[in-house]
PDB file of all heavy atoms in Angstrom:
ATOM      1  N   ALA A   1      47.142  72.944  51.402  1.00  0.00           N
ATOM      2  CA  ALA A   1      46.913  74.264  51.983  1.00  0.00           C
ATOM      3  C   ALA A   1      46.906  74.208  53.512  1.00  0.00           C
ATOM      4  O   ALA A   1      47.466  75.078  54.216  1.00  0.00           O
ATOM      5  CB  ALA A   1      45.571  74.893  51.480  1.00  0.00           C
ATOM      6  N   LEU A   2      46.336  73.184  54.056  1.00  0.00           N
ATOM      7  CA  LEU A   2      46.257  72.999  55.545  1.00  0.00           C
ATOM      8  C   LEU A   2      47.602  72.660  56.130  1.00  0.00           C
ATOM      9  O   LEU A   2      47.998  73.011  57.164  1.00  0.00           O
ATOM     10  CB  LEU A   2      45.234  71.952  55.977  1.00  0.00           C
ATOM     11  CG  LEU A   2      43.757  72.364  55.716  1.00  0.00           C
ATOM     12  CD1 LEU A   2      42.878  71.210  56.060  1.00  0.00           C
ATOM     13  CD2 LEU A   2      43.400  73.565  56.533  1.00  0.00           C
ATOM     14  N   ALA A   3      48.414  71.856  55.336  1.00  0.00           N
ATOM     15  CA  ALA A   3      49.743  71.499  55.827  1.00  0.00           C
ATOM     16  C   ALA A   3      50.686  72.656  55.824  1.00  0.00           C
ATOM     17  O   ALA A   3      51.604  72.625  56.674  1.00  0.00           O
ATOM     18  CB  ALA A   3      50.267  70.343  54.933  1.00  0.00           C
ATOM     19  N   THR A   4      50.602  73.565  54.898  1.00  0.00           N
ATOM     20  CA  THR A   4      51.545  74.646  54.782  1.00  0.00           C
ATOM     21  C   THR A   4      51.089  75.911  55.528  1.00  0.00           C
ATOM     22  O   THR A   4      51.868  76.842  55.672  1.00  0.00           O
ATOM     23  CB  THR A   4      51.762  75.050  53.325  1.00  0.00           C
ATOM     24  OG1 THR A   4      50.552  75.402  52.711  1.00  0.00           O
ATOM     25  CG2 THR A   4      52.437  73.891  52.543  1.00  0.00           C
ATOM     26  N   ALA A   5      49.888  75.925  56.027  1.00  0.00           N
ATOM     27  CA  ALA A   5      49.366  77.133  56.664  1.00  0.00           C
ATOM     28  C   ALA A   5      49.944  77.162  58.129  1.00  0.00           C
ATOM     29  O   ALA A   5      50.048  76.165  58.780  1.00  0.00           O
ATOM     30  CB  ALA A   5      47.872  77.112  56.719  1.00  0.00           C
ATOM     31  N   SER A   6      50.274  78.362  58.506  1.00  0.00           N
ATOM     32  CA  SER A   6      50.769  78.555  59.895  1.00  0.00           C
ATOM     33  C   SER A   6      49.546  78.934  60.740  1.00  0.00           C
ATOM     34  O   SER A   6      48.468  79.286  60.289  1.00  0.00           O
ATOM     35  CB  SER A   6      51.802  79.662  59.961  1.00  0.00           C
ATOM     36  OG  SER A   6      51.266  80.856  59.620  1.00  0.00           O
ATOM     37  N   ALA A   7      49.789  78.863  62.025  1.00  0.00           N
ATOM     38  CA  ALA A   7      48.623  79.254  62.982  1.00  0.00           C
ATOM     39  C   ALA A   7      48.414  80.752  62.883  1.00  0.00           C
ATOM     40  O   ALA A   7      49.336  81.566  62.873  1.00  0.00           O
ATOM     41  CB  ALA A   7      49.093  78.875  64.371  1.00  0.00           C
ATOM     42  N   ALA A   8      47.167  81.081  62.752  1.00  0.00           N
ATOM     43  CA  ALA A   8      46.783  82.503  62.503  1.00  0.00           C
ATOM     44  C   ALA A   8      46.230  83.057  63.847  1.00  0.00           C
ATOM     45  O   ALA A   8      45.545  82.329  64.595  1.00  0.00           O
ATOM     46  CB  ALA A   8      45.744  82.628  61.436  1.00  0.00           C
ATOM     47  N   ASP A   9      46.489  84.336  64.068  1.00  0.00           N
ATOM     48  CA  ASP A   9      45.925  84.978  65.237  1.00  0.00           C
ATOM     49  C   ASP A   9      44.577  85.564  64.770  1.00  0.00           C
ATOM     50  O   ASP A   9      44.476  86.430  63.901  1.00  0.00           O
ATOM     51  CB  ASP A   9      46.836  86.135  65.654  1.00  0.00           C
ATOM     52  CG  ASP A   9      46.342  86.770  66.945  1.00  0.00           C
ATOM     53  OD1 ASP A   9      45.560  86.137  67.661  1.00  0.00           O
ATOM     54  OD2 ASP A   9      46.817  87.861  67.210  1.00  0.00           O
ATOM     55  N   ALA A  10      43.480  85.050  65.400  1.00  0.00           N
ATOM     56  CA  ALA A  10      42.124  85.382  64.900  1.00  0.00           C
ATOM     57  C   ALA A  10      41.475  86.496  65.687  1.00  0.00           C
ATOM     58  O   ALA A  10      40.290  86.687  65.691  1.00  0.00           O
ATOM     59  CB  ALA A  10      41.280  84.128  65.020  1.00  0.00           C
ATOM     60  N   LYS A  11      42.309  87.354  66.315  1.00  0.00           N
ATOM     61  CA  LYS A  11      41.774  88.411  67.122  1.00  0.00           C
ATOM     62  C   LYS A  11      41.054  89.434  66.224  1.00  0.00           C
ATOM     63  O   LYS A  11      41.664  89.951  65.275  1.00  0.00           O
ATOM     64  CB  LYS A  11      42.909  89.133  67.830  1.00  0.00           C
ATOM     65  CG  LYS A  11      42.363  90.182  68.863  1.00  0.00           C
ATOM     66  CD  LYS A  11      43.526  90.873  69.537  1.00  0.00           C
ATOM     67  CE  LYS A  11      44.169  89.894  70.570  1.00  0.00           C
ATOM     68  NZ  LYS A  11      45.194  90.538  71.384  1.00  0.00           N
ATOM     69  N   GLY A  12      39.828  89.670  66.392  1.00  0.00           N
ATOM     70  CA  GLY A  12      39.017  90.521  65.634  1.00  0.00           C
ATOM     71  C   GLY A  12      38.330  89.909  64.424  1.00  0.00           C
ATOM     72  O   GLY A  12      37.281  90.350  63.980  1.00  0.00           O
ATOM     73  N   CYS A  13      38.903  88.810  63.936  1.00  0.00           N
ATOM     74  CA  CYS A  13      38.346  88.177  62.703  1.00  0.00           C
ATOM     75  C   CYS A  13      37.092  87.481  62.974  1.00  0.00           C
ATOM     76  O   CYS A  13      36.098  87.621  62.197  1.00  0.00           O
ATOM     77  CB  CYS A  13      39.337  87.200  62.164  1.00  0.00           C
ATOM     78  SG  CYS A  13      38.808  86.420  60.653  1.00  0.00           S
ATOM     79  N   LEU A  14      36.942  86.791  64.100  1.00  0.00           N
ATOM     80  CA  LEU A  14      35.759  85.990  64.368  1.00  0.00           C
ATOM     81  C   LEU A  14      34.556  86.859  64.645  1.00  0.00           C
ATOM     82  O   LEU A  14      33.478  86.645  64.095  1.00  0.00           O
ATOM     83  CB  LEU A  14      35.979  85.043  65.564  1.00  0.00           C
ATOM     84  CG  LEU A  14      37.067  84.047  65.382  1.00  0.00           C
ATOM     85  CD1 LEU A  14      37.290  83.251  66.649  1.00  0.00           C
ATOM     86  CD2 LEU A  14      36.733  83.077  64.210  1.00  0.00           C
ATOM     87  N   LYS A  15      34.727  87.915  65.409  1.00  0.00           N
ATOM     88  CA  LYS A  15      33.640  88.847  65.624  1.00  0.00           C
ATOM     89  C   LYS A  15      33.202  89.610  64.398  1.00  0.00           C
ATOM     90  O   LYS A  15      31.977  89.708  64.063  1.00  0.00           O
ATOM     91  CB  LYS A  15      34.070  89.884  66.714  1.00  0.00           C
ATOM     92  CG  LYS A  15      32.983  90.771  67.147  1.00  0.00           C
ATOM     93  CD  LYS A  15      33.461  91.704  68.272  1.00  0.00           C
ATOM     94  CE  LYS A  15      32.463  92.715  68.636  1.00  0.00           C
ATOM     95  NZ  LYS A  15      32.989  93.671  69.646  1.00  0.00           N
ATOM     96  N   GLY A  16      34.206  90.052  63.578  1.00  0.00           N
ATOM     97  CA  GLY A  16      33.878  90.706  62.343  1.00  0.00           C
ATOM     98  C   GLY A  16      33.261  89.826  61.320  1.00  0.00           C
ATOM     99  O   GLY A  16      32.295  90.235  60.644  1.00  0.00           O
ATOM    100  N   ALA A  17      33.689  88.529  61.300  1.00  0.00           N
ATOM    101  CA  ALA A  17      33.100  87.625  60.365  1.00  0.00           C
ATOM    102  C   ALA A  17      31.603  87.321  60.730  1.00  0.00           C
ATOM    103  O   ALA A  17      30.725  87.212  59.859  1.00  0.00           O
ATOM    104  CB  ALA A  17      33.856  86.334  60.327  1.00  0.00           C
ATOM    105  N   ALA A  18      31.318  87.197  62.020  1.00  0.00           N
ATOM    106  CA  ALA A  18      29.961  86.968  62.422  1.00  0.00           C
ATOM    107  C   ALA A  18      29.044  88.131  62.106  1.00  0.00           C
ATOM    108  O   ALA A  18      27.945  87.932  61.494  1.00  0.00           O
ATOM    109  CB  ALA A  18      29.899  86.721  63.954  1.00  0.00           C
ATOM    110  N   VAL A  19      29.493  89.301  62.357  1.00  0.00           N
ATOM    111  CA  VAL A  19      28.699  90.522  62.049  1.00  0.00           C
ATOM    112  C   VAL A  19      28.541  90.665  60.573  1.00  0.00           C
ATOM    113  O   VAL A  19      27.459  90.973  60.037  1.00  0.00           O
ATOM    114  CB  VAL A  19      29.293  91.757  62.695  1.00  0.00           C
ATOM    115  CG1 VAL A  19      28.615  93.012  62.297  1.00  0.00           C
ATOM    116  CG2 VAL A  19      29.245  91.604  64.211  1.00  0.00           C
ATOM    117  N   GLY A  20      29.680  90.517  59.830  1.00  0.00           N
ATOM    118  CA  GLY A  20      29.635  90.729  58.366  1.00  0.00           C
ATOM    119  C   GLY A  20      28.810  89.691  57.705  1.00  0.00           C
ATOM    120  O   GLY A  20      28.101  89.869  56.671  1.00  0.00           O
ATOM    121  N   GLY A  21      28.829  88.399  58.188  1.00  0.00           N
ATOM    122  CA  GLY A  21      28.051  87.327  57.638  1.00  0.00           C
ATOM    123  C   GLY A  21      26.578  87.547  57.787  1.00  0.00           C
ATOM    124  O   GLY A  21      25.773  87.359  56.780  1.00  0.00           O
ATOM    125  N   VAL A  22      26.114  88.054  58.949  1.00  0.00           N
ATOM    126  CA  VAL A  22      24.727  88.332  59.135  1.00  0.00           C
ATOM    127  C   VAL A  22      24.274  89.523  58.299  1.00  0.00           C
ATOM    128  O   VAL A  22      23.227  89.451  57.679  1.00  0.00           O
ATOM    129  CB  VAL A  22      24.464  88.624  60.659  1.00  0.00           C
ATOM    130  CG1 VAL A  22      23.062  89.088  60.869  1.00  0.00           C
ATOM    131  CG2 VAL A  22      24.689  87.243  61.477  1.00  0.00           C
ATOM    132  N   ALA A  23      25.135  90.543  58.292  1.00  0.00           N
ATOM    133  CA  ALA A  23      24.762  91.745  57.440  1.00  0.00           C
ATOM    134  C   ALA A  23      24.708  91.410  55.974  1.00  0.00           C
ATOM    135  O   ALA A  23      23.817  91.824  55.278  1.00  0.00           O
ATOM    136  CB  ALA A  23      25.777  92.807  57.730  1.00  0.00           C
ATOM    137  N   GLY A  24      25.664  90.663  55.517  1.00  0.00           N
ATOM    138  CA  GLY A  24      25.680  90.243  54.132  1.00  0.00           C
ATOM    139  C   GLY A  24      24.467  89.394  53.762  1.00  0.00           C
ATOM    140  O   GLY A  24      23.946  89.454  52.639  1.00  0.00           O
ATOM    141  N   HIS A  25      24.108  88.482  54.692  1.00  0.00           N
ATOM    142  CA  HIS A  25      23.005  87.594  54.370  1.00  0.00           C
ATOM    143  C   HIS A  25      21.675  88.421  54.293  1.00  0.00           C
ATOM    144  O   HIS A  25      20.936  88.252  53.381  1.00  0.00           O
ATOM    145  CB  HIS A  25      22.813  86.593  55.519  1.00  0.00           C
ATOM    146  CG  HIS A  25      21.573  85.723  55.396  1.00  0.00           C
ATOM    147  ND1 HIS A  25      21.416  84.803  54.457  1.00  0.00           N
ATOM    148  CD2 HIS A  25      20.451  85.801  56.139  1.00  0.00           C
ATOM    149  CE1 HIS A  25      20.198  84.228  54.594  1.00  0.00           C
ATOM    150  NE2 HIS A  25      19.607  84.821  55.647  1.00  0.00           N
ATOM    151  N   TYR A  26      21.467  89.337  55.205  1.00  0.00           N
ATOM    152  CA  TYR A  26      20.191  90.072  55.195  1.00  0.00           C
ATOM    153  C   TYR A  26      20.218  91.235  54.126  1.00  0.00           C
ATOM    154  O   TYR A  26      19.153  91.566  53.585  1.00  0.00           O
ATOM    155  CB  TYR A  26      19.911  90.684  56.569  1.00  0.00           C
ATOM    156  CG  TYR A  26      19.410  89.711  57.508  1.00  0.00           C
ATOM    157  CD1 TYR A  26      20.139  89.280  58.626  1.00  0.00           C
ATOM    158  CD2 TYR A  26      18.193  89.086  57.337  1.00  0.00           C
ATOM    159  CE1 TYR A  26      19.656  88.340  59.490  1.00  0.00           C
ATOM    160  CE2 TYR A  26      17.674  88.141  58.188  1.00  0.00           C
ATOM    161  CZ  TYR A  26      18.423  87.796  59.237  1.00  0.00           C
ATOM    162  OH  TYR A  26      17.975  86.894  60.133  1.00  0.00           O
ATOM    163  N   ALA A  27      21.416  91.718  53.766  1.00  0.00           N
ATOM    164  CA  ALA A  27      21.410  92.772  52.783  1.00  0.00           C
ATOM    165  C   ALA A  27      21.202  92.220  51.339  1.00  0.00           C
ATOM    166  O   ALA A  27      20.394  92.809  50.602  1.00  0.00           O
ATOM    167  CB  ALA A  27      22.746  93.487  52.822  1.00  0.00           C
ATOM    168  N   SER A  28      21.890  91.202  50.978  1.00  0.00           N
ATOM    169  CA  SER A  28      21.808  90.764  49.653  1.00  0.00           C
ATOM    170  C   SER A  28      22.039  89.255  49.412  1.00  0.00           C
ATOM    171  O   SER A  28      22.451  88.842  48.353  1.00  0.00           O
ATOM    172  CB  SER A  28      22.774  91.505  48.726  1.00  0.00           C
ATOM    173  OG  SER A  28      24.022  91.324  49.180  1.00  0.00           O
ATOM    174  N   HIS A  29      21.839  88.446  50.459  1.00  0.00           N
ATOM    175  CA  HIS A  29      22.016  86.971  50.465  1.00  0.00           C
ATOM    176  C   HIS A  29      23.529  86.666  50.003  1.00  0.00           C
ATOM    177  O   HIS A  29      23.737  85.727  49.292  1.00  0.00           O
ATOM    178  CB  HIS A  29      21.041  86.374  49.481  1.00  0.00           C
ATOM    179  CG  HIS A  29      19.697  86.580  49.926  1.00  0.00           C
ATOM    180  ND1 HIS A  29      19.121  85.983  51.083  1.00  0.00           N
ATOM    181  CD2 HIS A  29      18.661  87.293  49.385  1.00  0.00           C
ATOM    182  CE1 HIS A  29      17.876  86.290  51.202  1.00  0.00           C
ATOM    183  NE2 HIS A  29      17.556  87.103  50.228  1.00  0.00           N
ATOM    184  N   HIS A  30      24.439  87.446  50.436  1.00  0.00           N
ATOM    185  CA  HIS A  30      25.862  87.163  50.247  1.00  0.00           C
ATOM    186  C   HIS A  30      26.516  87.053  51.618  1.00  0.00           C
ATOM    187  O   HIS A  30      27.469  87.830  51.960  1.00  0.00           O
ATOM    188  CB  HIS A  30      26.509  88.223  49.431  1.00  0.00           C
ATOM    189  CG  HIS A  30      26.108  88.214  47.970  1.00  0.00           C
ATOM    190  ND1 HIS A  30      25.077  88.977  47.536  1.00  0.00           N
ATOM    191  CD2 HIS A  30      26.584  87.562  46.944  1.00  0.00           C
ATOM    192  CE1 HIS A  30      24.946  88.746  46.228  1.00  0.00           C
ATOM    193  NE2 HIS A  30      25.860  87.851  45.857  1.00  0.00           N
ATOM    194  N   GLY A  31      26.120  86.094  52.361  1.00  0.00           N
ATOM    195  CA  GLY A  31      26.698  85.930  53.743  1.00  0.00           C
ATOM    196  C   GLY A  31      28.169  85.624  53.760  1.00  0.00           C
ATOM    197  O   GLY A  31      28.879  86.141  54.607  1.00  0.00           O
ATOM    198  N   ILE A  32      28.641  84.744  52.829  1.00  0.00           N
ATOM    199  CA  ILE A  32      30.054  84.397  52.805  1.00  0.00           C
ATOM    200  C   ILE A  32      30.953  85.606  52.431  1.00  0.00           C
ATOM    201  O   ILE A  32      31.944  85.882  53.108  1.00  0.00           O
ATOM    202  CB  ILE A  32      30.351  83.242  51.869  1.00  0.00           C
ATOM    203  CG1 ILE A  32      29.624  81.998  52.385  1.00  0.00           C
ATOM    204  CG2 ILE A  32      31.795  82.969  51.657  1.00  0.00           C
ATOM    205  CD1 ILE A  32      29.652  80.841  51.463  1.00  0.00           C
ATOM    206  N   LEU A  33      30.496  86.387  51.488  1.00  0.00           N
ATOM    207  CA  LEU A  33      31.256  87.570  51.090  1.00  0.00           C
ATOM    208  C   LEU A  33      31.278  88.539  52.258  1.00  0.00           C
ATOM    209  O   LEU A  33      32.248  89.228  52.566  1.00  0.00           O
ATOM    210  CB  LEU A  33      30.571  88.219  49.864  1.00  0.00           C
ATOM    211  CG  LEU A  33      31.302  89.393  49.284  1.00  0.00           C
ATOM    212  CD1 LEU A  33      32.702  88.984  48.841  1.00  0.00           C
ATOM    213  CD2 LEU A  33      30.555  89.996  48.130  1.00  0.00           C
ATOM    214  N   GLY A  34      30.135  88.694  53.007  1.00  0.00           N
ATOM    215  CA  GLY A  34      30.066  89.568  54.100  1.00  0.00           C
ATOM    216  C   GLY A  34      30.890  89.121  55.216  1.00  0.00           C
ATOM    217  O   GLY A  34      31.615  89.910  55.946  1.00  0.00           O
ATOM    218  N   ALA A  35      31.048  87.807  55.456  1.00  0.00           N
ATOM    219  CA  ALA A  35      31.866  87.222  56.476  1.00  0.00           C
ATOM    220  C   ALA A  35      33.326  87.507  56.218  1.00  0.00           C
ATOM    221  O   ALA A  35      34.157  87.839  57.046  1.00  0.00           O
ATOM    222  CB  ALA A  35      31.653  85.729  56.630  1.00  0.00           C
ATOM    223  N   VAL A  36      33.720  87.316  54.942  1.00  0.00           N
ATOM    224  CA  VAL A  36      35.127  87.614  54.567  1.00  0.00           C
ATOM    225  C   VAL A  36      35.509  89.064  54.757  1.00  0.00           C
ATOM    226  O   VAL A  36      36.502  89.375  55.343  1.00  0.00           O
ATOM    227  CB  VAL A  36      35.376  87.164  53.122  1.00  0.00           C
ATOM    228  CG1 VAL A  36      36.753  87.646  52.590  1.00  0.00           C
ATOM    229  CG2 VAL A  36      35.257  85.665  52.942  1.00  0.00           C
ATOM    230  N   ALA A  37      34.606  89.943  54.290  1.00  0.00           N
ATOM    231  CA  ALA A  37      34.855  91.364  54.466  1.00  0.00           C
ATOM    232  C   ALA A  37      34.888  91.750  55.956  1.00  0.00           C
ATOM    233  O   ALA A  37      35.693  92.520  56.393  1.00  0.00           O
ATOM    234  CB  ALA A  37      33.814  92.153  53.685  1.00  0.00           C
ATOM    235  N   GLY A  38      33.953  91.212  56.744  1.00  0.00           N
ATOM    236  CA  GLY A  38      33.939  91.452  58.128  1.00  0.00           C
ATOM    237  C   GLY A  38      35.193  90.963  58.883  1.00  0.00           C
ATOM    238  O   GLY A  38      35.698  91.602  59.775  1.00  0.00           O
ATOM    239  N   CYS A  39      35.765  89.869  58.420  1.00  0.00           N
ATOM    240  CA  CYS A  39      36.980  89.304  59.030  1.00  0.00           C
ATOM    241  C   CYS A  39      38.115  90.288  58.746  1.00  0.00           C
ATOM    242  O   CYS A  39      38.934  90.574  59.592  1.00  0.00           O
ATOM    243  CB  CYS A  39      37.242  87.926  58.412  1.00  0.00           C
ATOM    244  SG  CYS A  39      38.765  87.204  59.041  1.00  0.00           S
ATOM    245  N   VAL A  40      38.215  90.719  57.480  1.00  0.00           N
ATOM    246  CA  VAL A  40      39.283  91.626  57.113  1.00  0.00           C
ATOM    247  C   VAL A  40      39.215  92.932  57.862  1.00  0.00           C
ATOM    248  O   VAL A  40      40.201  93.462  58.434  1.00  0.00           O
ATOM    249  CB  VAL A  40      39.263  91.856  55.592  1.00  0.00           C
ATOM    250  CG1 VAL A  40      40.228  92.998  55.206  1.00  0.00           C
ATOM    251  CG2 VAL A  40      39.614  90.629  54.804  1.00  0.00           C
TER     252      VAL A  40
END
């Protein structure tokens, strides 16, 4: 997967993932799911 992946533009994803991860953690202990949704 790492060998075939191209470089991704992470504009907006990192900030959204951080906010979504914190919100998901505090809301229902689903920090990873919140981070993914925040990134999207």
